[in-house]
Amino acid sequence: MLAKRFLLLFSLALLAALVLTGCGARAGAGETAAAAADAPLVLDLPNLTIDYDADGAPSLGGAPLSSFGSLLPASLTSQLTFDKGTMDMLAAANIQHVQITTAPDGLIILVNGEPIPSVRWDADKLANLADLVETLGPDAPAALKSVLPVITNLGAGIALRFPVGQGAEMIPMQVAGDASAAAASQAAQQAFMAEVGAAPVIRIPVLYDAEGGYTVQGITDAEWQALTGAPFGSLRLQPDQIASAAAAGITGATVRTDAEGIHVALNGKELPVLGWGEGELSHALKLAAGAGLLDQSGMDAAAIGPVVDALLPVIQSSNVEINVTFPSE
């Protein structure tokens, strides 16, 4: 027993040394330690930085990741290894680095030093998520059940750095100030609000029946589709989905958007938010266009870009709320 404990502690010490071997500055570093100053368990570490060569081989602290085989599962090394096609795509899109980091108020994903839509939370939202996980029982991931009680005390992250394409300028690991998507997005929203005076408001009540059909103000999905030509029938649910919601005790769901992001609530209890209040959405769309994803979907990125720029302030400034009611058992 003592030998096993020694080996476990030794492995943990080696793992900690491994993390610090390839460490780098982490967005929000120090926030977790400050917020959880009195907690018995606190983890606030620099980023674990993994560098890639042009063929997609990862390295840590200058050593190939495969050389740490005794400390890292082979499956993890495999997942962190990319093929040449992926590396070429990243270079063509000028994606130089990706960071994933935890903070006391959420999980942050940065691409080229700026956030894309990420999950944000507070104590109440995490408590509601824990209740939902408990309701799901064995269907919920075991790891999620274990980490939720302490997630606000865990500050750690990983940074993936890719080769910079020929002729491209180096992008800082964290971009801020007037040149950031956050500054541009906030300026666009302020200009829109100055023009319209008040945020647009849309509220829609949706009532489902046991068969998966629904009505909005007494008008069925089929009638809405006939009136508008829009595919409202695609929003019908299957009877077993309605039954599953009833079995889980879910009688209502709300999806709403505002300047902060996309909010989801079940039975009036709000869950973590998909945040877009700091330019995340505009940055994500810019990255998608640069990677050719808009062209692949049949859209002309050059033509649609100005339209998206005009619509984003409207979408992000509007207060849209869809209230869904399910039949109870």
C-alpha atoms as a PDB file:
ATOM      1  CA  MET A   1       0.000   0.000   0.000  1.00  0.00           C
ATOM      2  CA  LEU A   2       2.793   2.426   0.910  1.00  0.00           C
ATOM      3  CA  ALA A   3       4.590   1.620  -2.336  1.00  0.00           C
ATOM      4  CA  LYS A   4       1.458   2.380  -4.360  1.00  0.00           C
ATOM      5  CA  ARG A   5       0.979   5.688  -2.567  1.00  0.00           C
ATOM      6  CA  PHE A   6       4.609   6.608  -3.159  1.00  0.00           C
ATOM      7  CA  LEU A   7       4.280   5.820  -6.869  1.00  0.00           C
ATOM      8  CA  LEU A   8       1.095   7.897  -7.064  1.00  0.00           C
ATOM      9  CA  LEU A   9       2.722  10.886  -5.361  1.00  0.00           C
ATOM     10  CA  PHE A  10       5.825  10.508  -7.505  1.00  0.00           C
ATOM     11  CA  SER A  11       3.685  10.431 -10.657  1.00  0.00           C
ATOM     12  CA  LEU A  12       1.817  13.542  -9.537  1.00  0.00           C
ATOM     13  CA  ALA A  13       5.113  15.322  -8.890  1.00  0.00           C
ATOM     14  CA  LEU A  14       6.375  14.358 -12.343  1.00  0.00           C
ATOM     15  CA  LEU A  15       3.118  15.529 -13.892  1.00  0.00           C
ATOM     16  CA  ALA A  16       3.424  18.887 -12.119  1.00  0.00           C
ATOM     17  CA  ALA A  17       6.991  19.220 -13.401  1.00  0.00           C
ATOM     18  CA  LEU A  18       5.761  18.337 -16.879  1.00  0.00           C
ATOM     19  CA  VAL A  19       3.149  21.091 -16.740  1.00  0.00           C
ATOM     20  CA  LEU A  20       5.707  23.673 -15.658  1.00  0.00           C
ATOM     21  CA  THR A  21       8.157  22.521 -18.348  1.00  0.00           C
ATOM     22  CA  GLY A  22       5.959  23.901 -21.107  1.00  0.00           C
ATOM     23  CA  CYS A  23       4.176  26.676 -19.259  1.00  0.00           C
ATOM     24  CA  GLY A  24       3.108  30.074 -20.529  1.00  0.00           C
ATOM     25  CA  ALA A  25       0.974  33.034 -19.509  1.00  0.00           C
ATOM     26  CA  ARG A  26      -2.697  32.146 -19.049  1.00  0.00           C
ATOM     27  CA  ALA A  27      -5.645  34.476 -19.597  1.00  0.00           C
ATOM     28  CA  GLY A  28      -7.118  35.243 -16.180  1.00  0.00           C
ATOM     29  CA  ALA A  29      -4.134  33.850 -14.274  1.00  0.00           C
ATOM     30  CA  GLY A  30      -4.372  34.656 -10.564  1.00  0.00           C
ATOM     31  CA  GLU A  31      -8.142  35.196 -10.602  1.00  0.00           C
ATOM     32  CA  THR A  32      -8.925  31.711  -9.318  1.00  0.00           C
ATOM     33  CA  ALA A  33      -6.479  31.922  -6.408  1.00  0.00           C
ATOM     34  CA  ALA A  34      -7.859  35.331  -5.443  1.00  0.00           C
ATOM     35  CA  ALA A  35     -11.499  34.222  -5.649  1.00  0.00           C
ATOM     36  CA  ALA A  36     -10.891  30.983  -3.725  1.00  0.00           C
ATOM     37  CA  ALA A  37      -8.435  32.332  -1.169  1.00  0.00           C
ATOM     38  CA  ASP A  38     -10.043  30.436   1.736  1.00  0.00           C
ATOM     39  CA  ALA A  39     -10.831  27.199  -0.114  1.00  0.00           C
ATOM     40  CA  PRO A  40      -8.953  24.026   0.903  1.00  0.00           C
ATOM     41  CA  LEU A  41      -8.474  23.018  -2.755  1.00  0.00           C
ATOM     42  CA  VAL A  42      -7.143  25.625  -5.192  1.00  0.00           C
ATOM     43  CA  LEU A  43      -5.394  25.171  -8.521  1.00  0.00           C
ATOM     44  CA  ASP A  44      -4.147  28.260 -10.367  1.00  0.00           C
ATOM     45  CA  LEU A  45      -1.500  27.343 -12.942  1.00  0.00           C
ATOM     46  CA  PRO A  46       0.062  28.833 -16.065  1.00  0.00           C
ATOM     47  CA  ASN A  47      -0.979  27.511 -19.458  1.00  0.00           C
ATOM     48  CA  LEU A  48       0.373  24.174 -20.582  1.00  0.00           C
ATOM     49  CA  THR A  49       1.809  25.238 -23.952  1.00  0.00           C
ATOM     50  CA  ILE A  50       2.088  22.730 -26.785  1.00  0.00           C
ATOM     51  CA  ASP A  51       3.924  23.713 -29.969  1.00  0.00           C
ATOM     52  CA  TYR A  52       3.372  22.127 -33.367  1.00  0.00           C
ATOM     53  CA  ASP A  53       5.553  21.695 -36.404  1.00  0.00           C
ATOM     54  CA  ALA A  54       4.277  21.975 -39.975  1.00  0.00           C
ATOM     55  CA  ASP A  55       3.444  18.255 -40.055  1.00  0.00           C
ATOM     56  CA  GLY A  56       1.245  18.418 -36.939  1.00  0.00           C
ATOM     57  CA  ALA A  57       3.642  16.782 -34.465  1.00  0.00           C
ATOM     58  CA  PRO A  58       3.254  18.281 -30.947  1.00  0.00           C
ATOM     59  CA  SER A  59       6.080  19.130 -28.571  1.00  0.00           C
ATOM     60  CA  LEU A  60       6.275  20.298 -24.971  1.00  0.00           C
ATOM     61  CA  GLY A  61       9.181  22.382 -23.726  1.00  0.00           C
ATOM     62  CA  GLY A  62      11.063  21.545 -26.927  1.00  0.00           C
ATOM     63  CA  ALA A  63      10.666  17.772 -26.522  1.00  0.00           C
ATOM     64  CA  PRO A  64       8.299  15.670 -28.664  1.00  0.00           C
ATOM     65  CA  LEU A  65       5.087  14.929 -26.784  1.00  0.00           C
ATOM     66  CA  SER A  66       5.525  11.254 -27.621  1.00  0.00           C
ATOM     67  CA  SER A  67       8.659  11.192 -25.436  1.00  0.00           C
ATOM     68  CA  PHE A  68       6.466  11.686 -22.339  1.00  0.00           C
ATOM     69  CA  GLY A  69       4.734   8.361 -22.954  1.00  0.00           C
ATOM     70  CA  SER A  70       5.170   7.157 -19.362  1.00  0.00           C
ATOM     71  CA  LEU A  71       3.305  10.203 -18.021  1.00  0.00           C
ATOM     72  CA  LEU A  72       0.673  10.833 -20.683  1.00  0.00           C
ATOM     73  CA  PRO A  73      -1.862   8.328 -22.015  1.00  0.00           C
ATOM     74  CA  ALA A  74      -1.160   7.308 -25.610  1.00  0.00           C
ATOM     75  CA  SER A  75      -4.732   8.240 -26.505  1.00  0.00           C
ATOM     76  CA  LEU A  76      -4.131  11.832 -25.351  1.00  0.00           C
ATOM     77  CA  THR A  77      -0.952  12.150 -27.410  1.00  0.00           C
ATOM     78  CA  SER A  78      -2.832  10.786 -30.415  1.00  0.00           C
ATOM     79  CA  GLN A  79      -5.680  13.277 -29.951  1.00  0.00           C
ATOM     80  CA  LEU A  80      -3.194  16.148 -29.767  1.00  0.00           C
ATOM     81  CA  THR A  81      -1.457  15.115 -32.998  1.00  0.00           C
ATOM     82  CA  PHE A  82      -2.805  16.647 -36.225  1.00  0.00           C
ATOM     83  CA  ASP A  83      -2.366  15.630 -39.844  1.00  0.00           C
ATOM     84  CA  LYS A  84      -0.641  17.726 -42.515  1.00  0.00           C
ATOM     85  CA  GLY A  85      -3.967  18.716 -44.087  1.00  0.00           C
ATOM     86  CA  THR A  86      -5.183  20.225 -40.823  1.00  0.00           C
ATOM     87  CA  MET A  87      -1.943  22.159 -40.391  1.00  0.00           C
ATOM     88  CA  ASP A  88      -2.188  23.514 -43.943  1.00  0.00           C
ATOM     89  CA  MET A  89      -5.771  24.618 -43.281  1.00  0.00           C
ATOM     90  CA  LEU A  90      -4.754  26.395 -40.066  1.00  0.00           C
ATOM     91  CA  ALA A  91      -1.887  28.155 -41.856  1.00  0.00           C
ATOM     92  CA  ALA A  92      -4.150  29.245 -44.726  1.00  0.00           C
ATOM     93  CA  ALA A  93      -6.647  30.659 -42.215  1.00  0.00           C
ATOM     94  CA  ASN A  94      -3.786  32.309 -40.260  1.00  0.00           C
ATOM     95  CA  ILE A  95      -4.849  30.581 -37.052  1.00  0.00           C
ATOM     96  CA  GLN A  96      -1.692  30.841 -34.954  1.00  0.00           C
ATOM     97  CA  HIS A  97      -2.834  29.676 -31.534  1.00  0.00           C
ATOM     98  CA  VAL A  98      -5.811  28.349 -29.578  1.00  0.00           C
ATOM     99  CA  GLN A  99      -6.194  28.606 -25.811  1.00  0.00           C
ATOM    100  CA  ILE A 100      -8.704  26.887 -23.533  1.00  0.00           C
ATOM    101  CA  THR A 101      -8.696  28.044 -19.935  1.00  0.00           C
ATOM    102  CA  THR A 102     -10.900  27.943 -16.863  1.00  0.00           C
ATOM    103  CA  ALA A 103     -11.723  30.968 -14.738  1.00  0.00           C
ATOM    104  CA  PRO A 104     -13.909  31.443 -11.648  1.00  0.00           C
ATOM    105  CA  ASP A 105     -16.723  32.662 -13.914  1.00  0.00           C
ATOM    106  CA  GLY A 106     -16.425  30.331 -16.881  1.00  0.00           C
ATOM    107  CA  LEU A 107     -14.582  28.334 -19.498  1.00  0.00           C
ATOM    108  CA  ILE A 108     -12.812  30.640 -21.954  1.00  0.00           C
ATOM    109  CA  ILE A 109     -11.729  29.731 -25.478  1.00  0.00           C
ATOM    110  CA  LEU A 110      -9.402  32.119 -27.296  1.00  0.00           C
ATOM    111  CA  VAL A 111      -8.352  31.836 -30.926  1.00  0.00           C
ATOM    112  CA  ASN A 112      -5.573  34.171 -32.069  1.00  0.00           C
ATOM    113  CA  GLY A 113      -5.665  35.882 -28.694  1.00  0.00           C
ATOM    114  CA  GLU A 114      -9.371  36.773 -28.651  1.00  0.00           C
ATOM    115  CA  PRO A 115     -12.360  34.893 -27.237  1.00  0.00           C
ATOM    116  CA  ILE A 116     -14.983  33.082 -29.263  1.00  0.00           C
ATOM    117  CA  PRO A 117     -18.404  32.278 -27.700  1.00  0.00           C
ATOM    118  CA  SER A 118     -17.612  30.503 -24.438  1.00  0.00           C
ATOM    119  CA  VAL A 119     -19.465  29.237 -21.368  1.00  0.00           C
ATOM    120  CA  ARG A 120     -19.959  31.646 -18.464  1.00  0.00           C
ATOM    121  CA  TRP A 121     -21.401  30.916 -15.038  1.00  0.00           C
ATOM    122  CA  ASP A 122     -21.946  32.094 -11.488  1.00  0.00           C
ATOM    123  CA  ALA A 123     -22.660  30.170  -8.289  1.00  0.00           C
ATOM    124  CA  ASP A 124     -26.423  29.966  -8.904  1.00  0.00           C
ATOM    125  CA  LYS A 125     -26.049  28.743 -12.487  1.00  0.00           C
ATOM    126  CA  LEU A 126     -23.560  26.069 -11.425  1.00  0.00           C
ATOM    127  CA  ALA A 127     -25.911  24.946  -8.648  1.00  0.00           C
ATOM    128  CA  ASN A 128     -28.739  24.667 -11.177  1.00  0.00           C
ATOM    129  CA  LEU A 129     -26.489  22.677 -13.509  1.00  0.00           C
ATOM    130  CA  ALA A 130     -25.574  20.352 -10.636  1.00  0.00           C
ATOM    131  CA  ASP A 131     -29.290  19.795  -9.956  1.00  0.00           C
ATOM    132  CA  LEU A 132     -29.827  18.968 -13.635  1.00  0.00           C
ATOM    133  CA  VAL A 133     -26.914  16.528 -13.619  1.00  0.00           C
ATOM    134  CA  GLU A 134     -28.389  14.859 -10.548  1.00  0.00           C
ATOM    135  CA  THR A 135     -31.750  14.592 -12.323  1.00  0.00           C
ATOM    136  CA  LEU A 136     -30.130  12.938 -15.335  1.00  0.00           C
ATOM    137  CA  GLY A 137     -28.605  10.296 -13.068  1.00  0.00           C
ATOM    138  CA  PRO A 138     -26.485   7.691 -14.894  1.00  0.00           C
ATOM    139  CA  ASP A 139     -27.015   9.482 -18.223  1.00  0.00           C
ATOM    140  CA  ALA A 140     -24.771  12.346 -17.053  1.00  0.00           C
ATOM    141  CA  PRO A 141     -20.987  12.030 -17.550  1.00  0.00           C
ATOM    142  CA  ALA A 142     -19.317  10.848 -14.346  1.00  0.00           C
ATOM    143  CA  ALA A 143     -16.452  13.341 -14.776  1.00  0.00           C
ATOM    144  CA  LEU A 144     -18.939  16.226 -14.881  1.00  0.00           C
ATOM    145  CA  LYS A 145     -20.479  15.127 -11.595  1.00  0.00           C
ATOM    146  CA  SER A 146     -17.055  15.056  -9.956  1.00  0.00           C
ATOM    147  CA  VAL A 147     -15.719  18.368 -11.220  1.00  0.00           C
ATOM    148  CA  LEU A 148     -18.781  20.616 -10.793  1.00  0.00           C
ATOM    149  CA  PRO A 149     -18.434  21.084  -7.004  1.00  0.00           C
ATOM    150  CA  VAL A 150     -14.858  22.390  -7.338  1.00  0.00           C
ATOM    151  CA  ILE A 151     -14.732  23.851 -10.849  1.00  0.00           C
ATOM    152  CA  THR A 152     -14.597  27.466  -9.641  1.00  0.00           C
ATOM    153  CA  ASN A 153     -11.430  26.592  -7.696  1.00  0.00           C
ATOM    154  CA  LEU A 154      -9.620  25.149 -10.718  1.00  0.00           C
ATOM    155  CA  GLY A 155      -7.672  27.633 -12.811  1.00  0.00           C
ATOM    156  CA  ALA A 156      -5.763  25.880 -15.576  1.00  0.00           C
ATOM    157  CA  GLY A 157      -5.462  25.978 -19.324  1.00  0.00           C
ATOM    158  CA  ILE A 158      -3.817  24.675 -22.443  1.00  0.00           C
ATOM    159  CA  ALA A 159      -2.400  26.653 -25.361  1.00  0.00           C
ATOM    160  CA  LEU A 160      -1.796  25.137 -28.791  1.00  0.00           C
ATOM    161  CA  ARG A 161       0.663  27.132 -30.908  1.00  0.00           C
ATOM    162  CA  PHE A 162       0.863  26.538 -34.645  1.00  0.00           C
ATOM    163  CA  PRO A 163       3.521  27.593 -37.178  1.00  0.00           C
ATOM    164  CA  VAL A 164       3.055  31.122 -38.503  1.00  0.00           C
ATOM    165  CA  GLY A 165       2.496  31.204 -42.253  1.00  0.00           C
ATOM    166  CA  GLN A 166       5.034  32.833 -44.533  1.00  0.00           C
ATOM    167  CA  GLY A 167       4.569  36.604 -44.602  1.00  0.00           C
ATOM    168  CA  ALA A 168       2.047  36.609 -41.735  1.00  0.00           C
ATOM    169  CA  GLU A 169       2.579  38.818 -38.698  1.00  0.00           C
ATOM    170  CA  MET A 170       2.813  37.266 -35.240  1.00  0.00           C
ATOM    171  CA  ILE A 171      -0.427  37.634 -33.280  1.00  0.00           C
ATOM    172  CA  PRO A 172      -0.104  38.194 -29.505  1.00  0.00           C
ATOM    173  CA  MET A 173      -1.437  35.457 -27.237  1.00  0.00           C
ATOM    174  CA  GLN A 174      -3.850  38.020 -25.786  1.00  0.00           C
ATOM    175  CA  VAL A 175      -5.284  40.863 -27.869  1.00  0.00           C
ATOM    176  CA  ALA A 176      -6.897  43.835 -26.138  1.00  0.00           C
ATOM    177  CA  GLY A 177      -7.544  47.522 -26.680  1.00  0.00           C
ATOM    178  CA  ASP A 178      -8.969  49.380 -29.652  1.00  0.00           C
ATOM    179  CA  ALA A 179      -7.776  46.772 -32.160  1.00  0.00           C
ATOM    180  CA  SER A 180      -9.737  43.951 -30.513  1.00  0.00           C
ATOM    181  CA  ALA A 181     -13.025  42.461 -31.676  1.00  0.00           C
ATOM    182  CA  ALA A 182     -14.468  43.351 -28.263  1.00  0.00           C
ATOM    183  CA  ALA A 183     -13.847  47.075 -28.810  1.00  0.00           C
ATOM    184  CA  ALA A 184     -15.272  46.989 -32.343  1.00  0.00           C
ATOM    185  CA  SER A 185     -18.335  45.024 -31.218  1.00  0.00           C
ATOM    186  CA  GLN A 186     -19.087  47.328 -28.306  1.00  0.00           C
ATOM    187  CA  ALA A 187     -18.732  50.390 -30.549  1.00  0.00           C
ATOM    188  CA  ALA A 188     -21.121  48.872 -33.107  1.00  0.00           C
ATOM    189  CA  GLN A 189     -23.703  48.040 -30.429  1.00  0.00           C
ATOM    190  CA  GLN A 190     -23.467  51.516 -28.930  1.00  0.00           C
ATOM    191  CA  ALA A 191     -23.967  53.060 -32.375  1.00  0.00           C
ATOM    192  CA  PHE A 192     -26.995  50.829 -33.008  1.00  0.00           C
ATOM    193  CA  MET A 193     -28.565  51.656 -29.632  1.00  0.00           C
ATOM    194  CA  ALA A 194     -27.962  55.373 -30.193  1.00  0.00           C
ATOM    195  CA  GLU A 195     -29.815  55.055 -33.496  1.00  0.00           C
ATOM    196  CA  VAL A 196     -32.835  53.021 -32.315  1.00  0.00           C
ATOM    197  CA  GLY A 197     -33.095  54.351 -28.754  1.00  0.00           C
ATOM    198  CA  ALA A 198     -34.291  51.116 -27.116  1.00  0.00           C
ATOM    199  CA  ALA A 199     -33.366  47.470 -27.514  1.00  0.00           C
ATOM    200  CA  PRO A 200     -35.764  45.434 -29.692  1.00  0.00           C
ATOM    201  CA  VAL A 201     -37.901  42.965 -27.705  1.00  0.00           C
ATOM    202  CA  ILE A 202     -39.322  39.677 -29.000  1.00  0.00           C
ATOM    203  CA  ARG A 203     -41.204  37.231 -26.761  1.00  0.00           C
ATOM    204  CA  ILE A 204     -42.725  33.997 -28.090  1.00  0.00           C
ATOM    205  CA  PRO A 205     -44.728  31.421 -26.072  1.00  0.00           C
ATOM    206  CA  VAL A 206     -44.576  27.846 -27.423  1.00  0.00           C
ATOM    207  CA  LEU A 207     -46.916  25.159 -26.069  1.00  0.00           C
ATOM    208  CA  TYR A 208     -46.128  21.523 -26.920  1.00  0.00           C
ATOM    209  CA  ASP A 209     -48.593  18.635 -26.721  1.00  0.00           C
ATOM    210  CA  ALA A 210     -47.907  14.991 -25.886  1.00  0.00           C
ATOM    211  CA  GLU A 211     -47.517  14.079 -29.570  1.00  0.00           C
ATOM    212  CA  GLY A 212     -44.760  16.625 -30.170  1.00  0.00           C
ATOM    213  CA  GLY A 213     -46.847  19.204 -32.000  1.00  0.00           C
ATOM    214  CA  TYR A 214     -46.971  22.777 -30.771  1.00  0.00           C
ATOM    215  CA  THR A 215     -48.978  25.973 -30.889  1.00  0.00           C
ATOM    216  CA  VAL A 216     -48.043  29.633 -30.628  1.00  0.00           C
ATOM    217  CA  GLN A 217     -50.960  31.746 -29.452  1.00  0.00           C
ATOM    218  CA  GLY A 218     -53.330  28.966 -30.486  1.00  0.00           C
ATOM    219  CA  ILE A 219     -51.936  28.608 -34.026  1.00  0.00           C
ATOM    220  CA  THR A 220     -50.455  25.176 -34.807  1.00  0.00           C
ATOM    221  CA  ASP A 221     -47.062  24.536 -36.379  1.00  0.00           C
ATOM    222  CA  ALA A 222     -48.779  23.336 -39.576  1.00  0.00           C
ATOM    223  CA  GLU A 223     -50.808  26.547 -39.761  1.00  0.00           C
ATOM    224  CA  TRP A 224     -47.709  28.679 -39.193  1.00  0.00           C
ATOM    225  CA  GLN A 225     -45.953  26.830 -42.004  1.00  0.00           C
ATOM    226  CA  ALA A 226     -48.916  27.284 -44.353  1.00  0.00           C
ATOM    227  CA  LEU A 227     -49.136  30.995 -43.509  1.00  0.00           C
ATOM    228  CA  THR A 228     -45.453  31.821 -43.906  1.00  0.00           C
ATOM    229  CA  GLY A 229     -43.907  29.070 -46.018  1.00  0.00           C
ATOM    230  CA  ALA A 230     -41.171  28.711 -43.393  1.00  0.00           C
ATOM    231  CA  PRO A 231     -40.328  25.161 -42.218  1.00  0.00           C
ATOM    232  CA  PHE A 232     -42.009  25.444 -38.811  1.00  0.00           C
ATOM    233  CA  GLY A 233     -42.840  21.739 -38.966  1.00  0.00           C
ATOM    234  CA  SER A 234     -39.169  20.940 -38.407  1.00  0.00           C
ATOM    235  CA  LEU A 235     -39.544  22.197 -34.828  1.00  0.00           C
ATOM    236  CA  ARG A 236     -41.939  19.393 -33.942  1.00  0.00           C
ATOM    237  CA  LEU A 237     -40.614  16.909 -31.388  1.00  0.00           C
ATOM    238  CA  GLN A 238     -41.015  13.159 -31.188  1.00  0.00           C
ATOM    239  CA  PRO A 239     -43.480  11.771 -28.611  1.00  0.00           C
ATOM    240  CA  ASP A 240     -40.632   9.950 -26.834  1.00  0.00           C
ATOM    241  CA  GLN A 241     -38.789  13.268 -26.441  1.00  0.00           C
ATOM    242  CA  ILE A 242     -41.857  14.786 -24.795  1.00  0.00           C
ATOM    243  CA  ALA A 243     -42.161  11.711 -22.563  1.00  0.00           C
ATOM    244  CA  SER A 244     -38.481  11.953 -21.578  1.00  0.00           C
ATOM    245  CA  ALA A 245     -38.903  15.596 -20.585  1.00  0.00           C
ATOM    246  CA  ALA A 246     -41.944  14.710 -18.483  1.00  0.00           C
ATOM    247  CA  ALA A 247     -40.124  11.802 -16.836  1.00  0.00           C
ATOM    248  CA  ALA A 248     -37.280  14.157 -15.897  1.00  0.00           C
ATOM    249  CA  GLY A 249     -39.767  16.604 -14.413  1.00  0.00           C
ATOM    250  CA  ILE A 250     -39.077  19.273 -17.050  1.00  0.00           C
ATOM    251  CA  THR A 251     -42.252  21.262 -17.624  1.00  0.00           C
ATOM    252  CA  GLY A 252     -40.758  24.401 -19.114  1.00  0.00           C
ATOM    253  CA  ALA A 253     -37.695  25.712 -20.919  1.00  0.00           C
ATOM    254  CA  THR A 254     -36.685  29.252 -21.777  1.00  0.00           C
ATOM    255  CA  VAL A 255     -34.147  30.360 -24.357  1.00  0.00           C
ATOM    256  CA  ARG A 256     -33.348  34.048 -24.447  1.00  0.00           C
ATOM    257  CA  THR A 257     -30.689  36.295 -25.891  1.00  0.00           C
ATOM    258  CA  ASP A 258     -29.415  39.681 -24.825  1.00  0.00           C
ATOM    259  CA  ALA A 259     -26.193  41.668 -24.984  1.00  0.00           C
ATOM    260  CA  GLU A 260     -24.529  39.165 -22.646  1.00  0.00           C
ATOM    261  CA  GLY A 261     -25.207  36.020 -24.687  1.00  0.00           C
ATOM    262  CA  ILE A 262     -27.566  33.065 -24.984  1.00  0.00           C
ATOM    263  CA  HIS A 263     -29.378  32.041 -21.801  1.00  0.00           C
ATOM    264  CA  VAL A 264     -31.122  28.712 -21.210  1.00  0.00           C
ATOM    265  CA  ALA A 265     -33.350  27.929 -18.236  1.00  0.00           C
ATOM    266  CA  LEU A 266     -35.167  24.718 -17.300  1.00  0.00           C
ATOM    267  CA  ASN A 267     -38.155  24.998 -14.973  1.00  0.00           C
ATOM    268  CA  GLY A 268     -37.125  28.591 -14.337  1.00  0.00           C
ATOM    269  CA  LYS A 269     -33.588  27.675 -13.251  1.00  0.00           C
ATOM    270  CA  GLU A 270     -30.968  29.364 -15.420  1.00  0.00           C
ATOM    271  CA  LEU A 271     -28.006  27.307 -16.609  1.00  0.00           C
ATOM    272  CA  PRO A 272     -24.525  28.567 -17.624  1.00  0.00           C
ATOM    273  CA  VAL A 273     -24.583  31.175 -20.404  1.00  0.00           C
ATOM    274  CA  LEU A 274     -23.013  30.999 -23.857  1.00  0.00           C
ATOM    275  CA  GLY A 275     -21.355  34.408 -23.726  1.00  0.00           C
ATOM    276  CA  TRP A 276     -20.883  36.809 -26.624  1.00  0.00           C
ATOM    277  CA  GLY A 277     -20.748  40.163 -24.837  1.00  0.00           C
ATOM    278  CA  GLU A 278     -17.080  40.895 -25.613  1.00  0.00           C
ATOM    279  CA  GLY A 279     -16.914  40.527 -29.383  1.00  0.00           C
ATOM    280  CA  GLU A 280     -16.845  36.722 -29.291  1.00  0.00           C
ATOM    281  CA  LEU A 281     -19.440  36.241 -32.032  1.00  0.00           C
ATOM    282  CA  SER A 282     -17.924  38.684 -34.517  1.00  0.00           C
ATOM    283  CA  HIS A 283     -14.460  37.198 -33.946  1.00  0.00           C
ATOM    284  CA  ALA A 284     -15.785  33.660 -34.474  1.00  0.00           C
ATOM    285  CA  LEU A 285     -17.475  34.643 -37.737  1.00  0.00           C
ATOM    286  CA  LYS A 286     -14.297  36.363 -38.924  1.00  0.00           C
ATOM    287  CA  LEU A 287     -12.330  33.192 -38.198  1.00  0.00           C
ATOM    288  CA  ALA A 288     -14.938  31.075 -39.996  1.00  0.00           C
ATOM    289  CA  ALA A 289     -14.702  33.300 -43.062  1.00  0.00           C
ATOM    290  CA  GLY A 290     -10.899  33.151 -43.008  1.00  0.00           C
ATOM    291  CA  ALA A 291     -11.025  29.357 -42.814  1.00  0.00           C
ATOM    292  CA  GLY A 292     -13.347  29.206 -45.827  1.00  0.00           C
ATOM    293  CA  LEU A 293     -16.228  27.725 -43.820  1.00  0.00           C
ATOM    294  CA  LEU A 294     -18.733  30.242 -45.192  1.00  0.00           C
ATOM    295  CA  ASP A 295     -17.710  29.475 -48.767  1.00  0.00           C
ATOM    296  CA  GLN A 296     -18.013  25.744 -48.072  1.00  0.00           C
ATOM    297  CA  SER A 297     -21.590  26.262 -46.873  1.00  0.00           C
ATOM    298  CA  GLY A 298     -22.504  27.866 -50.184  1.00  0.00           C
ATOM    299  CA  MET A 299     -22.309  31.486 -49.008  1.00  0.00           C
ATOM    300  CA  ASP A 300     -20.157  34.154 -50.641  1.00  0.00           C
ATOM    301  CA  ALA A 301     -18.007  35.309 -47.721  1.00  0.00           C
ATOM    302  CA  ALA A 302     -17.028  38.560 -49.446  1.00  0.00           C
ATOM    303  CA  ALA A 303     -20.643  39.451 -50.193  1.00  0.00           C
ATOM    304  CA  ILE A 304     -22.142  38.333 -46.913  1.00  0.00           C
ATOM    305  CA  GLY A 305     -19.497  39.971 -44.708  1.00  0.00           C
ATOM    306  CA  PRO A 306     -21.013  43.492 -44.770  1.00  0.00           C
ATOM    307  CA  VAL A 307     -24.480  42.025 -44.147  1.00  0.00           C
ATOM    308  CA  VAL A 308     -23.229  40.131 -41.101  1.00  0.00           C
ATOM    309  CA  ASP A 309     -21.455  43.235 -39.797  1.00  0.00           C
ATOM    310  CA  ALA A 310     -24.738  45.147 -40.037  1.00  0.00           C
ATOM    311  CA  LEU A 311     -26.834  42.394 -38.431  1.00  0.00           C
ATOM    312  CA  LEU A 312     -24.573  41.506 -35.505  1.00  0.00           C
ATOM    313  CA  PRO A 313     -25.287  44.658 -33.450  1.00  0.00           C
ATOM    314  CA  VAL A 314     -29.016  44.068 -33.978  1.00  0.00           C
ATOM    315  CA  ILE A 315     -28.805  40.419 -32.888  1.00  0.00           C
ATOM    316  CA  GLN A 316     -26.617  41.085 -29.879  1.00  0.00           C
ATOM    317  CA  SER A 317     -28.572  44.106 -28.665  1.00  0.00           C
ATOM    318  CA  SER A 318     -32.027  42.517 -28.982  1.00  0.00           C
ATOM    319  CA  ASN A 319     -33.847  40.890 -26.083  1.00  0.00           C
ATOM    320  CA  VAL A 320     -35.364  37.731 -27.561  1.00  0.00           C
ATOM    321  CA  GLU A 321     -37.172  35.236 -25.340  1.00  0.00           C
ATOM    322  CA  ILE A 322     -38.779  31.922 -26.301  1.00  0.00           C
ATOM    323  CA  ASN A 323     -40.769  30.275 -23.516  1.00  0.00           C
ATOM    324  CA  VAL A 324     -41.521  26.598 -24.115  1.00  0.00           C
ATOM    325  CA  THR A 325     -44.073  24.655 -22.069  1.00  0.00           C
ATOM    326  CA  PHE A 326     -44.166  20.839 -22.057  1.00  0.00           C
ATOM    327  CA  PRO A 327     -47.068  18.650 -20.916  1.00  0.00           C
ATOM    328  CA  SER A 328     -46.582  17.104 -17.491  1.00  0.00           C
ATOM    329  CA  GLU A 329     -47.178  13.454 -16.675  1.00  0.00           C
END
